[in-house]
Amino acid sequence: MGRENITIKDIARELGISPSTVSRALKDHPDISQATRDAVNELAERWNYRPNPIALSLKSGSSKTIGVIIPDVVHYFFSTVISGIEDVAYQRDYNMILCQSNERWEHEVKNIRTLLSSRVDGILASLAKSTTDLSHYRNIIEKDIPLVFFDRATDELRTDSVVIDDEAGAYKAVNHLLRMGKKRIIHLAGPQQLAIARNRLSGYLKAMKEYRLTPSDDDIVKCDDIESAEELVPQLLKRRPQPDAIFAVNDLTAAQALMIIKRHGLKIPEDIAVVGFTNSQIATLTDPGLTSVDQKGFEMGQVAARLLLDRIENPGRAVQNKIMTSELVIRGSSSAKQSH
């Protein structure tokens, strides 16, 4: 007999016992006879009884659920982060509610409202591109709800975070291009209100400075998605002298730039080399393969989840800001020696 929204009271009424007896029987309490425990569990199974998570959270003060806010669910990097979070949450018996901001501040605000009304024990978040007002995150901290930022963090709030070494990763990428003999390197940059974009720009400038090269303002172009690349990269190719390398803030932009360069009859990496940032699946699918900085999304998700769950279970511990080490994965888009 299938039923919906079965409660402890329904089971108690059916068996002619008290709700408290049912509750203790479901928890295998030794004070309840084996016969009663068997009868309660058999009926609970037959009626597909499931405890009400909100009722449980009200009673215990814990929902065993965490909220996760990501900017874009189709982005390969964030999908790998989610896998890492889920891996740790599952091991530690926590559920996960996933929200997507679509890179919009107002969506982020709604996401947080939803998660708070769901009584999550803590929140993992990566900032949307358009977020400059952080009052909704301050509200979480003021409510003493654990908050951990991953990938896109902010220095304005005193909270746990885990990021990749964006500046060092960008430095490795541009230093590699310079060692390949490239000098006119364009940086396709992200929005500078995001720390990751500022840090990747900083790494680019640091590497160029070491080679006594001073990029002009025109060499740093706000271009961090496919649409921007389609509009701006053809204009960059008209410059004289022509750029001989592009370092993009992410792989999608780098892959699109690579396709546009090929469309214009130029050889990669001989005429123009291309390097991205993320080391996503697309990096292995382009022709030639895309050199990219590995952002280690799965590991980042694991570290972020552990930080949050440790904070939930030990609220008094000191704030931790973890920086993970990136790696440059060299493929054919920057080195003719690489066959793929």
C-alpha atoms as a PDB file:
ATOM      1  CA  MET A   1       0.000   0.000   0.000  1.00  0.00           C
ATOM      2  CA  GLY A   2       1.715   3.162  -1.223  1.00  0.00           C
ATOM      3  CA  ARG A   3       1.271   6.325   0.827  1.00  0.00           C
ATOM      4  CA  GLU A   4       2.682   9.845   0.720  1.00  0.00           C
ATOM      5  CA  ASN A   5       3.855  12.049   3.607  1.00  0.00           C
ATOM      6  CA  ILE A   6       3.626   9.247   6.159  1.00  0.00           C
ATOM      7  CA  THR A   7       4.340  10.444   9.712  1.00  0.00           C
ATOM      8  CA  ILE A   8       5.268   8.734  12.964  1.00  0.00           C
ATOM      9  CA  LYS A   9       1.713   9.468  14.163  1.00  0.00           C
ATOM     10  CA  ASP A  10       0.263   7.486  11.216  1.00  0.00           C
ATOM     11  CA  ILE A  11       2.383   4.451  12.095  1.00  0.00           C
ATOM     12  CA  ALA A  12       1.475   4.771  15.784  1.00  0.00           C
ATOM     13  CA  ARG A  13      -2.241   4.973  14.988  1.00  0.00           C
ATOM     14  CA  GLU A  14      -2.082   1.900  12.730  1.00  0.00           C
ATOM     15  CA  LEU A  15      -0.236  -0.194  15.346  1.00  0.00           C
ATOM     16  CA  GLY A  16      -2.149   1.150  18.365  1.00  0.00           C
ATOM     17  CA  ILE A  17       0.969   2.424  20.130  1.00  0.00           C
ATOM     18  CA  SER A  18       2.260   5.890  21.081  1.00  0.00           C
ATOM     19  CA  PRO A  19       4.274   8.089  18.646  1.00  0.00           C
ATOM     20  CA  SER A  20       7.167   8.145  21.134  1.00  0.00           C
ATOM     21  CA  THR A  21       7.273   4.329  21.065  1.00  0.00           C
ATOM     22  CA  VAL A  22       7.411   4.415  17.249  1.00  0.00           C
ATOM     23  CA  SER A  23      10.196   7.007  17.368  1.00  0.00           C
ATOM     24  CA  ARG A  24      12.269   4.917  19.780  1.00  0.00           C
ATOM     25  CA  ALA A  25      11.581   1.712  17.821  1.00  0.00           C
ATOM     26  CA  LEU A  26      12.876   3.359  14.622  1.00  0.00           C
ATOM     27  CA  LYS A  27      16.054   4.285  16.505  1.00  0.00           C
ATOM     28  CA  ASP A  28      16.423   0.648  17.684  1.00  0.00           C
ATOM     29  CA  HIS A  29      16.082   1.695  21.344  1.00  0.00           C
ATOM     30  CA  PRO A  30      16.733  -1.270  23.709  1.00  0.00           C
ATOM     31  CA  ASP A  31      13.749  -0.315  25.945  1.00  0.00           C
ATOM     32  CA  ILE A  32      11.393  -1.277  23.078  1.00  0.00           C
ATOM     33  CA  SER A  33      10.711  -4.985  22.589  1.00  0.00           C
ATOM     34  CA  GLN A  34      12.102  -6.716  19.528  1.00  0.00           C
ATOM     35  CA  ALA A  35       8.579  -7.624  18.408  1.00  0.00           C
ATOM     36  CA  THR A  36       7.484  -3.948  18.488  1.00  0.00           C
ATOM     37  CA  ARG A  37      10.672  -2.822  16.753  1.00  0.00           C
ATOM     38  CA  ASP A  38      10.104  -5.406  14.006  1.00  0.00           C
ATOM     39  CA  ALA A  39       6.434  -4.381  13.581  1.00  0.00           C
ATOM     40  CA  VAL A  40       7.311  -0.655  13.372  1.00  0.00           C
ATOM     41  CA  ASN A  41      10.182  -1.160  10.924  1.00  0.00           C
ATOM     42  CA  GLU A  42       8.132  -3.510   8.744  1.00  0.00           C
ATOM     43  CA  LEU A  43       5.275  -0.996   8.489  1.00  0.00           C
ATOM     44  CA  ALA A  44       7.662   1.926   7.967  1.00  0.00           C
ATOM     45  CA  GLU A  45       9.277   0.014   5.104  1.00  0.00           C
ATOM     46  CA  ARG A  46       5.933  -0.999   3.575  1.00  0.00           C
ATOM     47  CA  TRP A  47       4.569   2.536   3.740  1.00  0.00           C
ATOM     48  CA  ASN A  48       7.887   4.023   2.560  1.00  0.00           C
ATOM     49  CA  TYR A  49       8.186   6.223   5.656  1.00  0.00           C
ATOM     50  CA  ARG A  50      10.910   8.890   5.432  1.00  0.00           C
ATOM     51  CA  PRO A  51      11.815  11.228   8.314  1.00  0.00           C
ATOM     52  CA  ASN A  52      10.999  14.900   7.688  1.00  0.00           C
ATOM     53  CA  PRO A  53      14.413  16.591   7.354  1.00  0.00           C
ATOM     54  CA  ILE A  54      13.152  20.023   8.458  1.00  0.00           C
ATOM     55  CA  ALA A  55      11.464  18.540  11.526  1.00  0.00           C
ATOM     56  CA  LEU A  56      14.666  16.666  12.337  1.00  0.00           C
ATOM     57  CA  SER A  57      16.757  19.813  11.936  1.00  0.00           C
ATOM     58  CA  LEU A  58      14.455  21.763  14.250  1.00  0.00           C
ATOM     59  CA  LYS A  59      14.792  19.049  16.868  1.00  0.00           C
ATOM     60  CA  SER A  60      18.518  18.350  16.570  1.00  0.00           C
ATOM     61  CA  GLY A  61      19.734  21.781  15.467  1.00  0.00           C
ATOM     62  CA  SER A  62      21.404  20.121  12.458  1.00  0.00           C
ATOM     63  CA  SER A  63      19.971  19.319   9.026  1.00  0.00           C
ATOM     64  CA  LYS A  64      23.075  17.371   7.861  1.00  0.00           C
ATOM     65  CA  THR A  65      22.678  19.400   4.653  1.00  0.00           C
ATOM     66  CA  ILE A  66      25.060  21.919   3.077  1.00  0.00           C
ATOM     67  CA  GLY A  67      24.317  24.494   0.396  1.00  0.00           C
ATOM     68  CA  VAL A  68      26.547  25.061  -2.637  1.00  0.00           C
ATOM     69  CA  ILE A  69      26.392  28.157  -4.874  1.00  0.00           C
ATOM     70  CA  ILE A  70      28.224  28.026  -8.192  1.00  0.00           C
ATOM     71  CA  PRO A  71      28.253  30.645 -10.965  1.00  0.00           C
ATOM     72  CA  ASP A  72      27.628  28.238 -13.863  1.00  0.00           C
ATOM     73  CA  VAL A  73      26.724  24.552 -13.738  1.00  0.00           C
ATOM     74  CA  VAL A  74      27.773  23.858 -17.362  1.00  0.00           C
ATOM     75  CA  HIS A  75      31.302  25.133 -16.740  1.00  0.00           C
ATOM     76  CA  TYR A  76      33.603  22.076 -16.654  1.00  0.00           C
ATOM     77  CA  PHE A  77      35.632  23.425 -13.727  1.00  0.00           C
ATOM     78  CA  PHE A  78      32.591  23.913 -11.500  1.00  0.00           C
ATOM     79  CA  SER A  79      31.219  20.481 -12.401  1.00  0.00           C
ATOM     80  CA  THR A  80      34.478  18.929 -11.171  1.00  0.00           C
ATOM     81  CA  VAL A  81      34.343  21.025  -7.981  1.00  0.00           C
ATOM     82  CA  ILE A  82      30.790  19.742  -7.325  1.00  0.00           C
ATOM     83  CA  SER A  83      32.046  16.156  -7.710  1.00  0.00           C
ATOM     84  CA  GLY A  84      34.769  16.813  -5.129  1.00  0.00           C
ATOM     85  CA  ILE A  85      32.302  18.385  -2.683  1.00  0.00           C
ATOM     86  CA  GLU A  86      29.831  15.530  -3.119  1.00  0.00           C
ATOM     87  CA  ASP A  87      32.600  12.963  -2.567  1.00  0.00           C
ATOM     88  CA  VAL A  88      33.437  14.361   0.887  1.00  0.00           C
ATOM     89  CA  ALA A  89      29.820  15.174   1.851  1.00  0.00           C
ATOM     90  CA  TYR A  90      28.738  11.606   1.045  1.00  0.00           C
ATOM     91  CA  GLN A  91      31.556  10.096   3.109  1.00  0.00           C
ATOM     92  CA  ARG A  92      30.557  12.243   6.086  1.00  0.00           C
ATOM     93  CA  ASP A  93      26.814  11.606   5.697  1.00  0.00           C
ATOM     94  CA  TYR A  94      25.810  15.114   4.572  1.00  0.00           C
ATOM     95  CA  ASN A  95      23.339  15.990   1.812  1.00  0.00           C
ATOM     96  CA  MET A  96      23.914  18.815  -0.659  1.00  0.00           C
ATOM     97  CA  ILE A  97      21.607  21.457  -2.150  1.00  0.00           C
ATOM     98  CA  LEU A  98      23.060  22.953  -5.334  1.00  0.00           C
ATOM     99  CA  CYS A  99      22.215  26.475  -6.538  1.00  0.00           C
ATOM    100  CA  GLN A 100      23.374  28.343  -9.658  1.00  0.00           C
ATOM    101  CA  SER A 101      23.802  32.123  -9.746  1.00  0.00           C
ATOM    102  CA  ASN A 102      24.216  32.369 -13.547  1.00  0.00           C
ATOM    103  CA  GLU A 103      26.925  34.969 -12.797  1.00  0.00           C
ATOM    104  CA  ARG A 104      24.255  37.359 -11.448  1.00  0.00           C
ATOM    105  CA  TRP A 105      24.278  39.067  -8.062  1.00  0.00           C
ATOM    106  CA  GLU A 106      20.477  39.068  -7.730  1.00  0.00           C
ATOM    107  CA  HIS A 107      20.369  35.298  -8.347  1.00  0.00           C
ATOM    108  CA  GLU A 108      23.036  34.828  -5.686  1.00  0.00           C
ATOM    109  CA  VAL A 109      20.898  36.750  -3.178  1.00  0.00           C
ATOM    110  CA  LYS A 110      17.903  34.499  -3.981  1.00  0.00           C
ATOM    111  CA  ASN A 111      20.096  31.384  -3.739  1.00  0.00           C
ATOM    112  CA  ILE A 112      21.128  32.329  -0.212  1.00  0.00           C
ATOM    113  CA  ARG A 113      17.526  33.042   0.793  1.00  0.00           C
ATOM    114  CA  THR A 114      16.548  29.571  -0.460  1.00  0.00           C
ATOM    115  CA  LEU A 115      19.406  27.853   1.370  1.00  0.00           C
ATOM    116  CA  LEU A 116      18.692  29.651   4.647  1.00  0.00           C
ATOM    117  CA  SER A 117      15.001  28.719   4.463  1.00  0.00           C
ATOM    118  CA  SER A 118      16.114  25.093   3.895  1.00  0.00           C
ATOM    119  CA  ARG A 119      18.042  25.305   7.193  1.00  0.00           C
ATOM    120  CA  VAL A 120      21.396  24.243   5.755  1.00  0.00           C
ATOM    121  CA  ASP A 121      24.206  23.737   8.271  1.00  0.00           C
ATOM    122  CA  GLY A 122      26.665  25.722   6.141  1.00  0.00           C
ATOM    123  CA  ILE A 123      27.266  27.215   2.690  1.00  0.00           C
ATOM    124  CA  LEU A 124      30.016  26.816   0.070  1.00  0.00           C
ATOM    125  CA  ALA A 125      30.076  29.640  -2.491  1.00  0.00           C
ATOM    126  CA  SER A 126      31.954  30.922  -5.512  1.00  0.00           C
ATOM    127  CA  LEU A 127      31.278  34.577  -6.320  1.00  0.00           C
ATOM    128  CA  ALA A 128      29.353  35.619  -9.432  1.00  0.00           C
ATOM    129  CA  LYS A 129      31.154  37.897 -11.901  1.00  0.00           C
ATOM    130  CA  SER A 130      28.752  40.755 -11.207  1.00  0.00           C
ATOM    131  CA  THR A 131      28.940  40.592  -7.390  1.00  0.00           C
ATOM    132  CA  THR A 132      30.369  43.709  -5.762  1.00  0.00           C
ATOM    133  CA  ASP A 133      27.868  44.113  -2.889  1.00  0.00           C
ATOM    134  CA  LEU A 134      28.623  41.408  -0.309  1.00  0.00           C
ATOM    135  CA  SER A 135      25.863  42.238   2.201  1.00  0.00           C
ATOM    136  CA  HIS A 136      24.053  38.913   1.582  1.00  0.00           C
ATOM    137  CA  TYR A 137      27.230  37.054   2.563  1.00  0.00           C
ATOM    138  CA  ARG A 138      27.731  39.303   5.600  1.00  0.00           C
ATOM    139  CA  ASN A 139      24.220  38.309   6.641  1.00  0.00           C
ATOM    140  CA  ILE A 140      25.254  34.620   6.655  1.00  0.00           C
ATOM    141  CA  ILE A 141      28.272  35.351   8.853  1.00  0.00           C
ATOM    142  CA  GLU A 142      26.159  37.474  11.243  1.00  0.00           C
ATOM    143  CA  LYS A 143      23.773  34.514  11.631  1.00  0.00           C
ATOM    144  CA  ASP A 144      26.777  32.346  12.628  1.00  0.00           C
ATOM    145  CA  ILE A 145      26.203  30.031   9.672  1.00  0.00           C
ATOM    146  CA  PRO A 146      29.525  28.579   8.449  1.00  0.00           C
ATOM    147  CA  LEU A 147      30.580  29.981   5.055  1.00  0.00           C
ATOM    148  CA  VAL A 148      33.479  28.857   2.857  1.00  0.00           C
ATOM    149  CA  PHE A 149      34.412  30.497  -0.445  1.00  0.00           C
ATOM    150  CA  PHE A 150      36.073  28.436  -3.170  1.00  0.00           C
ATOM    151  CA  ASP A 151      37.852  29.550  -6.366  1.00  0.00           C
ATOM    152  CA  ARG A 152      36.316  33.031  -6.425  1.00  0.00           C
ATOM    153  CA  ALA A 153      36.852  34.327  -2.912  1.00  0.00           C
ATOM    154  CA  THR A 154      36.972  37.797  -1.357  1.00  0.00           C
ATOM    155  CA  ASP A 155      39.388  39.416   1.099  1.00  0.00           C
ATOM    156  CA  GLU A 156      36.620  41.681   2.399  1.00  0.00           C
ATOM    157  CA  LEU A 157      35.055  38.990   4.591  1.00  0.00           C
ATOM    158  CA  ARG A 158      36.818  37.052   7.333  1.00  0.00           C
ATOM    159  CA  THR A 159      35.866  33.518   6.436  1.00  0.00           C
ATOM    160  CA  ASP A 160      37.404  30.223   5.317  1.00  0.00           C
ATOM    161  CA  SER A 161      38.407  29.904   1.671  1.00  0.00           C
ATOM    162  CA  VAL A 162      40.229  27.693  -0.802  1.00  0.00           C
ATOM    163  CA  VAL A 163      41.683  29.019  -4.059  1.00  0.00           C
ATOM    164  CA  ILE A 164      44.265  28.029  -6.639  1.00  0.00           C
ATOM    165  CA  ASP A 165      47.525  30.028  -6.800  1.00  0.00           C
ATOM    166  CA  ASP A 166      46.149  32.150  -9.656  1.00  0.00           C
ATOM    167  CA  GLU A 167      49.080  34.553  -9.852  1.00  0.00           C
ATOM    168  CA  ALA A 168      51.689  31.774  -9.816  1.00  0.00           C
ATOM    169  CA  GLY A 169      49.673  29.751 -12.356  1.00  0.00           C
ATOM    170  CA  ALA A 170      49.448  32.689 -14.753  1.00  0.00           C
ATOM    171  CA  TYR A 171      53.155  33.400 -14.255  1.00  0.00           C
ATOM    172  CA  LYS A 172      54.009  29.783 -15.215  1.00  0.00           C
ATOM    173  CA  ALA A 173      51.864  30.062 -18.347  1.00  0.00           C
ATOM    174  CA  VAL A 174      53.340  33.339 -19.576  1.00  0.00           C
ATOM    175  CA  ASN A 175      56.893  32.391 -18.600  1.00  0.00           C
ATOM    176  CA  HIS A 176      56.466  29.257 -20.744  1.00  0.00           C
ATOM    177  CA  LEU A 177      55.379  31.389 -23.733  1.00  0.00           C
ATOM    178  CA  LEU A 178      58.364  33.704 -23.249  1.00  0.00           C
ATOM    179  CA  ARG A 179      60.737  30.731 -23.136  1.00  0.00           C
ATOM    180  CA  MET A 180      59.182  29.568 -26.414  1.00  0.00           C
ATOM    181  CA  GLY A 181      60.428  32.858 -27.896  1.00  0.00           C
ATOM    182  CA  LYS A 182      57.099  34.729 -27.852  1.00  0.00           C
ATOM    183  CA  LYS A 183      57.243  38.431 -26.970  1.00  0.00           C
ATOM    184  CA  ARG A 184      54.025  40.103 -28.143  1.00  0.00           C
ATOM    185  CA  ILE A 185      51.724  38.319 -25.694  1.00  0.00           C
ATOM    186  CA  ILE A 186      48.115  39.465 -25.375  1.00  0.00           C
ATOM    187  CA  HIS A 187      46.209  38.763 -22.136  1.00  0.00           C
ATOM    188  CA  LEU A 188      42.489  38.067 -22.533  1.00  0.00           C
ATOM    189  CA  ALA A 189      41.473  39.110 -19.022  1.00  0.00           C
ATOM    190  CA  GLY A 190      38.497  38.624 -16.714  1.00  0.00           C
ATOM    191  CA  PRO A 191      36.508  41.277 -14.792  1.00  0.00           C
ATOM    192  CA  GLN A 192      38.872  42.965 -12.363  1.00  0.00           C
ATOM    193  CA  GLN A 193      36.408  43.002  -9.450  1.00  0.00           C
ATOM    194  CA  LEU A 194      37.158  39.259  -9.177  1.00  0.00           C
ATOM    195  CA  ALA A 195      40.350  38.436  -7.280  1.00  0.00           C
ATOM    196  CA  ILE A 196      41.086  35.511  -9.634  1.00  0.00           C
ATOM    197  CA  ALA A 197      41.112  37.883 -12.638  1.00  0.00           C
ATOM    198  CA  ARG A 198      43.325  40.432 -10.853  1.00  0.00           C
ATOM    199  CA  ASN A 199      45.743  37.718  -9.739  1.00  0.00           C
ATOM    200  CA  ARG A 200      46.007  36.150 -13.206  1.00  0.00           C
ATOM    201  CA  LEU A 201      46.705  39.595 -14.679  1.00  0.00           C
ATOM    202  CA  SER A 202      49.349  40.118 -11.982  1.00  0.00           C
ATOM    203  CA  GLY A 203      51.057  36.827 -12.915  1.00  0.00           C
ATOM    204  CA  TYR A 204      51.079  37.856 -16.603  1.00  0.00           C
ATOM    205  CA  LEU A 205      52.652  41.234 -15.769  1.00  0.00           C
ATOM    206  CA  LYS A 206      55.234  39.661 -13.448  1.00  0.00           C
ATOM    207  CA  ALA A 207      56.461  37.237 -16.133  1.00  0.00           C
ATOM    208  CA  MET A 208      56.592  39.980 -18.787  1.00  0.00           C
ATOM    209  CA  LYS A 209      58.541  42.286 -16.442  1.00  0.00           C
ATOM    210  CA  GLU A 210      61.183  39.584 -15.840  1.00  0.00           C
ATOM    211  CA  TYR A 211      61.832  39.587 -19.590  1.00  0.00           C
ATOM    212  CA  ARG A 212      61.968  43.405 -19.563  1.00  0.00           C
ATOM    213  CA  LEU A 213      58.770  43.617 -21.586  1.00  0.00           C
ATOM    214  CA  THR A 214      56.153  46.245 -20.780  1.00  0.00           C
ATOM    215  CA  PRO A 215      52.700  45.452 -22.163  1.00  0.00           C
ATOM    216  CA  SER A 216      50.595  48.416 -23.267  1.00  0.00           C
ATOM    217  CA  ASP A 217      47.027  48.872 -22.031  1.00  0.00           C
ATOM    218  CA  ASP A 218      45.912  47.563 -25.435  1.00  0.00           C
ATOM    219  CA  ASP A 219      47.660  44.248 -24.720  1.00  0.00           C
ATOM    220  CA  ILE A 220      45.276  43.578 -21.798  1.00  0.00           C
ATOM    221  CA  VAL A 221      41.798  43.010 -23.215  1.00  0.00           C
ATOM    222  CA  LYS A 222      38.632  42.358 -21.184  1.00  0.00           C
ATOM    223  CA  CYS A 223      37.555  39.133 -22.894  1.00  0.00           C
ATOM    224  CA  ASP A 224      36.489  36.115 -20.853  1.00  0.00           C
ATOM    225  CA  ASP A 225      33.795  34.311 -22.850  1.00  0.00           C
ATOM    226  CA  ILE A 226      33.110  32.916 -26.330  1.00  0.00           C
ATOM    227  CA  GLU A 227      31.028  35.902 -27.479  1.00  0.00           C
ATOM    228  CA  SER A 228      33.717  38.428 -26.498  1.00  0.00           C
ATOM    229  CA  ALA A 229      36.389  36.325 -28.229  1.00  0.00           C
ATOM    230  CA  GLU A 230      34.371  36.229 -31.470  1.00  0.00           C
ATOM    231  CA  GLU A 231      34.160  40.027 -31.402  1.00  0.00           C
ATOM    232  CA  LEU A 232      37.643  40.960 -30.184  1.00  0.00           C
ATOM    233  CA  VAL A 233      40.160  38.326 -31.361  1.00  0.00           C
ATOM    234  CA  PRO A 234      39.706  39.126 -35.113  1.00  0.00           C
ATOM    235  CA  GLN A 235      40.526  42.757 -34.268  1.00  0.00           C
ATOM    236  CA  LEU A 236      43.667  41.673 -32.384  1.00  0.00           C
ATOM    237  CA  LEU A 237      44.842  39.695 -35.432  1.00  0.00           C
ATOM    238  CA  LYS A 238      44.753  42.893 -37.547  1.00  0.00           C
ATOM    239  CA  ARG A 239      47.388  44.569 -35.365  1.00  0.00           C
ATOM    240  CA  ARG A 240      50.804  45.261 -36.812  1.00  0.00           C
ATOM    241  CA  PRO A 241      53.051  43.861 -35.621  1.00  0.00           C
ATOM    242  CA  GLN A 242      50.740  40.934 -35.065  1.00  0.00           C
ATOM    243  CA  PRO A 243      50.564  39.330 -31.578  1.00  0.00           C
ATOM    244  CA  ASP A 244      52.581  36.095 -31.392  1.00  0.00           C
ATOM    245  CA  ALA A 245      50.813  34.627 -28.324  1.00  0.00           C
ATOM    246  CA  ILE A 246      47.579  34.793 -26.340  1.00  0.00           C
ATOM    247  CA  PHE A 247      47.172  33.966 -22.663  1.00  0.00           C
ATOM    248  CA  ALA A 248      43.470  33.684 -21.822  1.00  0.00           C
ATOM    249  CA  VAL A 249      41.882  33.857 -18.369  1.00  0.00           C
ATOM    250  CA  ASN A 250      39.985  30.592 -19.010  1.00  0.00           C
ATOM    251  CA  ASP A 251      39.952  27.623 -21.411  1.00  0.00           C
ATOM    252  CA  LEU A 252      36.682  28.421 -23.196  1.00  0.00           C
ATOM    253  CA  THR A 253      38.005  31.818 -24.271  1.00  0.00           C
ATOM    254  CA  ALA A 254      41.379  30.314 -25.201  1.00  0.00           C
ATOM    255  CA  ALA A 255      39.753  27.532 -27.271  1.00  0.00           C
ATOM    256  CA  GLN A 256      37.574  30.049 -29.120  1.00  0.00           C
ATOM    257  CA  ALA A 257      40.623  32.245 -29.806  1.00  0.00           C
ATOM    258  CA  LEU A 258      42.447  29.178 -31.141  1.00  0.00           C
ATOM    259  CA  MET A 259      39.596  28.435 -33.576  1.00  0.00           C
ATOM    260  CA  ILE A 260      39.469  32.060 -34.760  1.00  0.00           C
ATOM    261  CA  ILE A 261      43.245  32.127 -35.334  1.00  0.00           C
ATOM    262  CA  LYS A 262      43.001  28.944 -37.442  1.00  0.00           C
ATOM    263  CA  ARG A 263      40.030  30.410 -39.330  1.00  0.00           C
ATOM    264  CA  HIS A 264      42.300  33.288 -40.370  1.00  0.00           C
ATOM    265  CA  GLY A 265      44.794  30.865 -41.905  1.00  0.00           C
ATOM    266  CA  LEU A 266      47.446  31.249 -39.212  1.00  0.00           C
ATOM    267  CA  LYS A 267      49.487  28.384 -37.788  1.00  0.00           C
ATOM    268  CA  ILE A 268      49.417  27.425 -34.107  1.00  0.00           C
ATOM    269  CA  PRO A 269      51.825  27.679 -32.333  1.00  0.00           C
ATOM    270  CA  GLU A 270      54.244  28.896 -35.048  1.00  0.00           C
ATOM    271  CA  ASP A 271      52.421  32.165 -35.858  1.00  0.00           C
ATOM    272  CA  ILE A 272      50.470  32.530 -32.621  1.00  0.00           C
ATOM    273  CA  ALA A 273      50.639  30.345 -29.502  1.00  0.00           C
ATOM    274  CA  VAL A 274      47.635  30.027 -27.175  1.00  0.00           C
ATOM    275  CA  VAL A 275      47.465  29.153 -23.469  1.00  0.00           C
ATOM    276  CA  GLY A 276      44.358  28.843 -21.312  1.00  0.00           C
ATOM    277  CA  PHE A 277      43.528  28.402 -17.621  1.00  0.00           C
ATOM    278  CA  THR A 278      41.531  25.502 -16.088  1.00  0.00           C
ATOM    279  CA  ASN A 279      42.776  22.407 -17.968  1.00  0.00           C
ATOM    280  CA  SER A 280      39.200  21.432 -18.785  1.00  0.00           C
ATOM    281  CA  GLN A 281      38.060  18.684 -21.163  1.00  0.00           C
ATOM    282  CA  ILE A 282      38.038  21.159 -24.044  1.00  0.00           C
ATOM    283  CA  ALA A 283      41.833  21.481 -23.716  1.00  0.00           C
ATOM    284  CA  THR A 284      42.205  17.912 -25.006  1.00  0.00           C
ATOM    285  CA  LEU A 285      39.605  18.318 -27.772  1.00  0.00           C
ATOM    286  CA  THR A 286      41.046  21.300 -29.661  1.00  0.00           C
ATOM    287  CA  ASP A 287      43.455  20.833 -32.566  1.00  0.00           C
ATOM    288  CA  PRO A 288      46.202  21.297 -31.557  1.00  0.00           C
ATOM    289  CA  GLY A 289      45.572  20.459 -27.887  1.00  0.00           C
ATOM    290  CA  LEU A 290      45.406  23.486 -25.624  1.00  0.00           C
ATOM    291  CA  THR A 291      48.206  24.246 -23.165  1.00  0.00           C
ATOM    292  CA  SER A 292      46.504  25.149 -19.905  1.00  0.00           C
ATOM    293  CA  VAL A 293      46.992  25.755 -16.185  1.00  0.00           C
ATOM    294  CA  ASP A 294      45.422  22.866 -14.247  1.00  0.00           C
ATOM    295  CA  GLN A 295      43.010  24.328 -11.685  1.00  0.00           C
ATOM    296  CA  LYS A 296      42.428  20.988  -9.895  1.00  0.00           C
ATOM    297  CA  GLY A 297      38.660  21.367  -9.496  1.00  0.00           C
ATOM    298  CA  PHE A 298      37.939  17.968  -7.913  1.00  0.00           C
ATOM    299  CA  GLU A 299      40.635  18.442  -5.239  1.00  0.00           C
ATOM    300  CA  MET A 300      39.454  22.009  -4.620  1.00  0.00           C
ATOM    301  CA  GLY A 301      35.913  20.709  -4.042  1.00  0.00           C
ATOM    302  CA  GLN A 302      37.204  18.132  -1.560  1.00  0.00           C
ATOM    303  CA  VAL A 303      39.280  20.689   0.362  1.00  0.00           C
ATOM    304  CA  ALA A 304      36.385  23.193   0.434  1.00  0.00           C
ATOM    305  CA  ALA A 305      33.927  20.568   1.690  1.00  0.00           C
ATOM    306  CA  ARG A 306      36.309  19.434   4.433  1.00  0.00           C
ATOM    307  CA  LEU A 307      36.847  23.055   5.506  1.00  0.00           C
ATOM    308  CA  LEU A 308      33.089  23.606   5.749  1.00  0.00           C
ATOM    309  CA  LEU A 309      32.259  20.355   7.558  1.00  0.00           C
ATOM    310  CA  ASP A 310      35.138  20.883   9.990  1.00  0.00           C
ATOM    311  CA  ARG A 311      33.827  24.408  10.648  1.00  0.00           C
ATOM    312  CA  ILE A 312      30.279  23.071  11.207  1.00  0.00           C
ATOM    313  CA  GLU A 313      31.526  20.444  13.640  1.00  0.00           C
ATOM    314  CA  ASN A 314      34.148  22.688  15.305  1.00  0.00           C
ATOM    315  CA  PRO A 315      32.856  26.302  15.165  1.00  0.00           C
ATOM    316  CA  GLY A 316      35.634  27.719  17.351  1.00  0.00           C
ATOM    317  CA  ARG A 317      38.629  26.865  15.193  1.00  0.00           C
ATOM    318  CA  ALA A 318      40.730  29.564  13.501  1.00  0.00           C
ATOM    319  CA  VAL A 319      39.860  30.815   9.994  1.00  0.00           C
ATOM    320  CA  GLN A 320      41.780  28.958   7.279  1.00  0.00           C
ATOM    321  CA  ASN A 321      42.622  30.322   3.811  1.00  0.00           C
ATOM    322  CA  LYS A 322      44.077  27.523   1.712  1.00  0.00           C
ATOM    323  CA  ILE A 323      45.972  28.107  -1.542  1.00  0.00           C
ATOM    324  CA  MET A 324      46.388  25.096  -3.827  1.00  0.00           C
ATOM    325  CA  THR A 325      49.335  24.695  -6.206  1.00  0.00           C
ATOM    326  CA  SER A 326      48.540  24.774  -9.933  1.00  0.00           C
ATOM    327  CA  GLU A 327      50.383  22.938 -12.703  1.00  0.00           C
ATOM    328  CA  LEU A 328      50.995  23.934 -16.313  1.00  0.00           C
ATOM    329  CA  VAL A 329      50.003  21.171 -18.751  1.00  0.00           C
ATOM    330  CA  ILE A 330      51.834  21.773 -22.038  1.00  0.00           C
ATOM    331  CA  ARG A 331      50.182  20.734 -25.304  1.00  0.00           C
ATOM    332  CA  GLY A 332      50.526  21.593 -28.983  1.00  0.00           C
ATOM    333  CA  SER A 333      48.974  25.076 -28.855  1.00  0.00           C
ATOM    334  CA  SER A 334      52.184  26.490 -27.392  1.00  0.00           C
ATOM    335  CA  SER A 335      54.874  23.952 -28.249  1.00  0.00           C
ATOM    336  CA  ALA A 336      55.434  22.390 -31.655  1.00  0.00           C
ATOM    337  CA  LYS A 337      57.191  19.512 -29.845  1.00  0.00           C
ATOM    338  CA  GLN A 338      53.841  18.373 -28.442  1.00  0.00           C
ATOM    339  CA  SER A 339      52.010  16.079 -30.882  1.00  0.00           C
ATOM    340  CA  HIS A 340      48.672  16.470 -29.102  1.00  0.00           C
END
